[in-house]
Amino acid sequence: MKLSTRGEYGLRAMVYLATHAAEEGTKVHAQEISDVQDIPPHYLKQILARLRTAGLVRSSRGPTGGHALGRPAAEISVGEVVSCLEGGISGVDSILSMPCNIGVGPGHCVIKEMLLEVKRRIEDFLDETTLARMAERQHELSDQKILVQPWFLCEEAPNPKNLANADSL
């Protein structure tokens, strides 16, 4: 899966909104999101506009205005956010469209079969992971001062189920 800066910034903004969604009607100004999440303001406005069009964010203008989640965080999946901003979740579609001539021909390709399974698992994982779970996990990481590092810097590979499954913590 390849995530562009648009997707990453969008996820950052949505998780930030989800962490501030405890009170109904809480709105966050784009400038606050930009400052806290280190997202260029002009780029954030474009991202928020896409999210608003998709119904994932609601916005209002004025001194009491700001941005909030379009639905409860528990009803918005990471997959929805990524699909909205990236146009798709996994980047194997171009590979799947390439000809495959291993042994028995293009319709019976083990590589395509494997990539389809990778795509399915990524999409399932992202669709199962809600913004509410992301916000909850963010609080846990911050409160417990858990350092998140790439797996190759860790003694033990992280368990991705920690994010999708709240019961595993």
Protein backbone atom coordinates (compact mmCIF):
# COMPACT_ATOMS: atom_id res chain seq x y z
CA MET A 1 0.00 0.00 0.00
CA LYS A 2 1.32 3.40 -0.92
CA LEU A 3 -0.03 6.40 0.93
CA SER A 4 0.60 9.85 -0.55
CA THR A 5 1.08 12.94 1.60
CA ARG A 6 -2.58 13.77 0.88
CA GLY A 7 -3.64 10.46 2.42
CA GLU A 8 -1.28 10.80 5.36
CA TYR A 9 -2.30 14.40 6.07
CA GLY A 10 -5.95 13.49 5.70
CA LEU A 11 -5.61 10.65 8.19
CA ARG A 12 -3.77 12.95 10.59
CA ALA A 13 -6.54 15.53 10.34
CA MET A 14 -9.29 12.94 10.76
CA VAL A 15 -7.64 11.32 13.79
CA TYR A 16 -7.17 14.79 15.28
CA LEU A 17 -10.87 15.54 14.74
CA ALA A 18 -11.76 12.14 16.21
CA THR A 19 -9.71 12.83 19.34
CA HIS A 20 -11.60 16.11 19.76
CA ALA A 21 -15.03 14.64 19.03
CA ALA A 22 -15.80 13.65 22.62
CA GLU A 23 -18.21 16.51 23.00
CA GLU A 24 -21.03 16.74 20.47
CA GLY A 25 -20.76 19.92 18.48
CA THR A 26 -17.03 20.41 19.11
CA LYS A 27 -15.48 22.13 16.09
CA VAL A 28 -11.81 22.58 15.35
CA HIS A 29 -10.40 25.40 13.24
CA ALA A 30 -8.32 24.37 10.25
CA GLN A 31 -5.46 26.54 11.52
CA GLU A 32 -5.32 24.51 14.76
CA ILE A 33 -5.18 21.24 12.81
CA SER A 34 -2.52 22.71 10.54
CA ASP A 35 -0.40 23.92 13.46
CA VAL A 36 -0.68 20.81 15.63
CA GLN A 37 -0.36 18.28 12.80
CA ASP A 38 2.23 20.26 10.80
CA ILE A 39 0.12 20.23 7.65
CA PRO A 40 0.51 23.14 5.20
CA PRO A 41 -2.68 25.25 5.56
CA HIS A 42 -3.44 25.52 1.83
CA TYR A 43 -3.05 21.75 1.40
CA LEU A 44 -5.21 21.04 4.45
CA LYS A 45 -8.02 23.18 3.01
CA GLN A 46 -8.00 21.07 -0.17
CA ILE A 47 -8.03 17.85 1.86
CA LEU A 48 -10.86 19.05 4.12
CA ALA A 49 -12.87 20.05 1.03
CA ARG A 50 -12.59 16.49 -0.36
CA LEU A 51 -13.53 15.00 3.00
CA ARG A 52 -16.48 17.40 3.28
CA THR A 53 -17.71 16.46 -0.22
CA ALA A 54 -17.61 12.80 0.81
CA GLY A 55 -19.61 13.57 3.97
CA LEU A 56 -16.76 12.55 6.27
CA VAL A 57 -16.32 16.11 7.61
CA ARG A 58 -18.79 18.90 8.25
CA SER A 59 -17.71 22.51 8.33
CA SER A 60 -19.09 25.89 9.22
CA ARG A 61 -17.72 29.40 8.84
CA GLY A 62 -17.42 32.24 11.27
CA PRO A 63 -15.97 32.82 14.71
CA THR A 64 -17.79 29.80 16.16
CA GLY A 65 -17.16 27.74 13.04
CA GLY A 66 -14.69 25.02 12.31
CA HIS A 67 -14.55 21.40 11.28
CA ALA A 68 -15.96 18.25 12.86
CA LEU A 69 -16.48 14.66 11.82
CA GLY A 70 -19.46 14.14 9.53
CA ARG A 71 -20.48 11.03 11.48
CA PRO A 72 -19.45 9.49 14.79
CA ALA A 73 -15.82 8.32 14.75
CA ALA A 74 -16.95 4.73 15.34
CA GLU A 75 -18.84 4.85 12.03
CA ILE A 76 -15.95 6.12 9.87
CA SER A 77 -13.34 3.61 8.75
CA VAL A 78 -9.77 4.37 7.80
CA GLY A 79 -10.58 2.66 4.51
CA GLU A 80 -13.25 5.29 3.75
CA VAL A 81 -10.80 8.11 4.42
CA VAL A 82 -8.02 6.59 2.33
CA SER A 83 -10.40 5.77 -0.54
CA CYS A 84 -11.76 9.32 -0.50
CA LEU A 85 -8.32 10.90 -0.65
CA GLU A 86 -6.35 8.37 -2.67
CA GLY A 87 -9.03 7.02 -5.00
CA GLY A 88 -8.26 3.49 -3.82
CA ILE A 89 -6.70 1.62 -0.97
CA SER A 90 -4.04 -0.57 -2.46
CA GLY A 91 -1.74 0.02 -5.38
CA VAL A 92 -1.69 -3.45 -6.91
CA ASP A 93 -4.30 -2.74 -9.60
CA SER A 94 -1.69 -1.72 -12.17
CA ILE A 95 0.27 -4.90 -11.49
CA LEU A 96 -2.86 -7.01 -11.79
CA SER A 97 -3.55 -5.59 -15.24
CA MET A 98 -0.11 -6.64 -16.54
CA PRO A 99 0.18 -9.85 -18.56
CA CYS A 100 1.38 -12.91 -16.66
CA ASN A 101 2.83 -15.81 -18.58
CA ILE A 102 4.07 -18.05 -15.79
CA GLY A 103 3.60 -21.65 -16.83
CA VAL A 104 -0.10 -21.92 -17.61
CA GLY A 105 -0.97 -18.46 -18.93
CA PRO A 106 -2.29 -15.11 -17.77
CA GLY A 107 -5.61 -16.35 -16.38
CA HIS A 108 -3.90 -18.74 -13.92
CA CYS A 109 -1.13 -16.61 -12.40
CA VAL A 110 0.03 -17.34 -8.86
CA ILE A 111 1.49 -13.83 -8.52
CA LYS A 112 -1.85 -12.22 -9.33
CA GLU A 113 -3.56 -14.57 -6.92
CA MET A 114 -1.16 -13.56 -4.15
CA LEU A 115 -1.52 -9.84 -4.91
CA LEU A 116 -5.31 -10.11 -4.89
CA GLU A 117 -5.09 -11.66 -1.42
CA VAL A 118 -2.73 -8.90 -0.24
CA LYS A 119 -5.16 -6.31 -1.58
CA ARG A 120 -8.12 -8.01 0.13
CA ARG A 121 -6.32 -8.17 3.48
CA ILE A 122 -5.22 -4.53 3.35
CA GLU A 123 -8.72 -3.38 2.42
CA ASP A 124 -10.30 -5.54 5.14
CA PHE A 125 -7.88 -4.24 7.78
CA LEU A 126 -8.45 -0.59 6.85
CA ASP A 127 -12.22 -1.07 6.64
CA GLU A 128 -12.28 -2.71 10.09
CA THR A 129 -10.21 0.05 11.70
CA THR A 130 -12.38 2.99 12.77
CA LEU A 131 -11.38 6.54 13.58
CA ALA A 132 -12.67 5.91 17.10
CA ARG A 133 -10.16 3.09 17.50
CA MET A 134 -7.40 5.23 16.03
CA ALA A 135 -8.21 8.05 18.47
CA GLU A 136 -8.37 5.62 21.38
CA ARG A 137 -5.02 4.09 20.43
CA GLN A 138 -3.49 7.56 19.99
CA HIS A 139 -4.49 8.40 23.56
CA GLU A 140 -2.94 5.12 24.76
CA LEU A 141 0.32 5.75 22.89
CA SER A 142 0.53 9.29 24.27
CA ASP A 143 -0.53 8.49 27.84
CA GLN A 144 1.75 5.46 28.14
CA LYS A 145 4.55 7.13 26.17
CA ILE A 146 4.77 4.18 23.78
CA LEU A 147 7.36 4.79 21.08
CA VAL A 148 6.24 3.68 17.62
CA GLN A 149 9.12 2.65 15.39
CA PRO A 150 9.42 0.88 12.06
CA TRP A 151 9.41 -2.89 12.63
CA PHE A 152 13.04 -3.25 11.57
CA LEU A 153 14.13 -1.08 14.51
CA CYS A 154 12.16 -3.18 17.02
CA GLU A 155 13.29 -6.38 18.70
CA GLU A 156 9.90 -7.88 17.90
CA ALA A 157 7.62 -7.08 14.96
CA PRO A 158 4.50 -5.16 16.06
CA ASN A 159 1.12 -6.86 16.00
CA PRO A 160 -1.17 -4.98 13.57
CA LYS A 161 -4.22 -6.47 15.31
CA ASN A 162 -3.59 -4.03 18.18
CA LEU A 163 -5.07 -1.29 16.04
CA ALA A 164 -8.00 -3.14 14.49
CA ASN A 165 -9.06 -5.05 17.57
CA ALA A 166 -9.65 -3.06 20.74
CA ASP A 167 -9.99 -6.27 22.78
CA SER A 168 -6.36 -7.23 22.22
CA LEU A 169 -5.02 -4.43 24.40
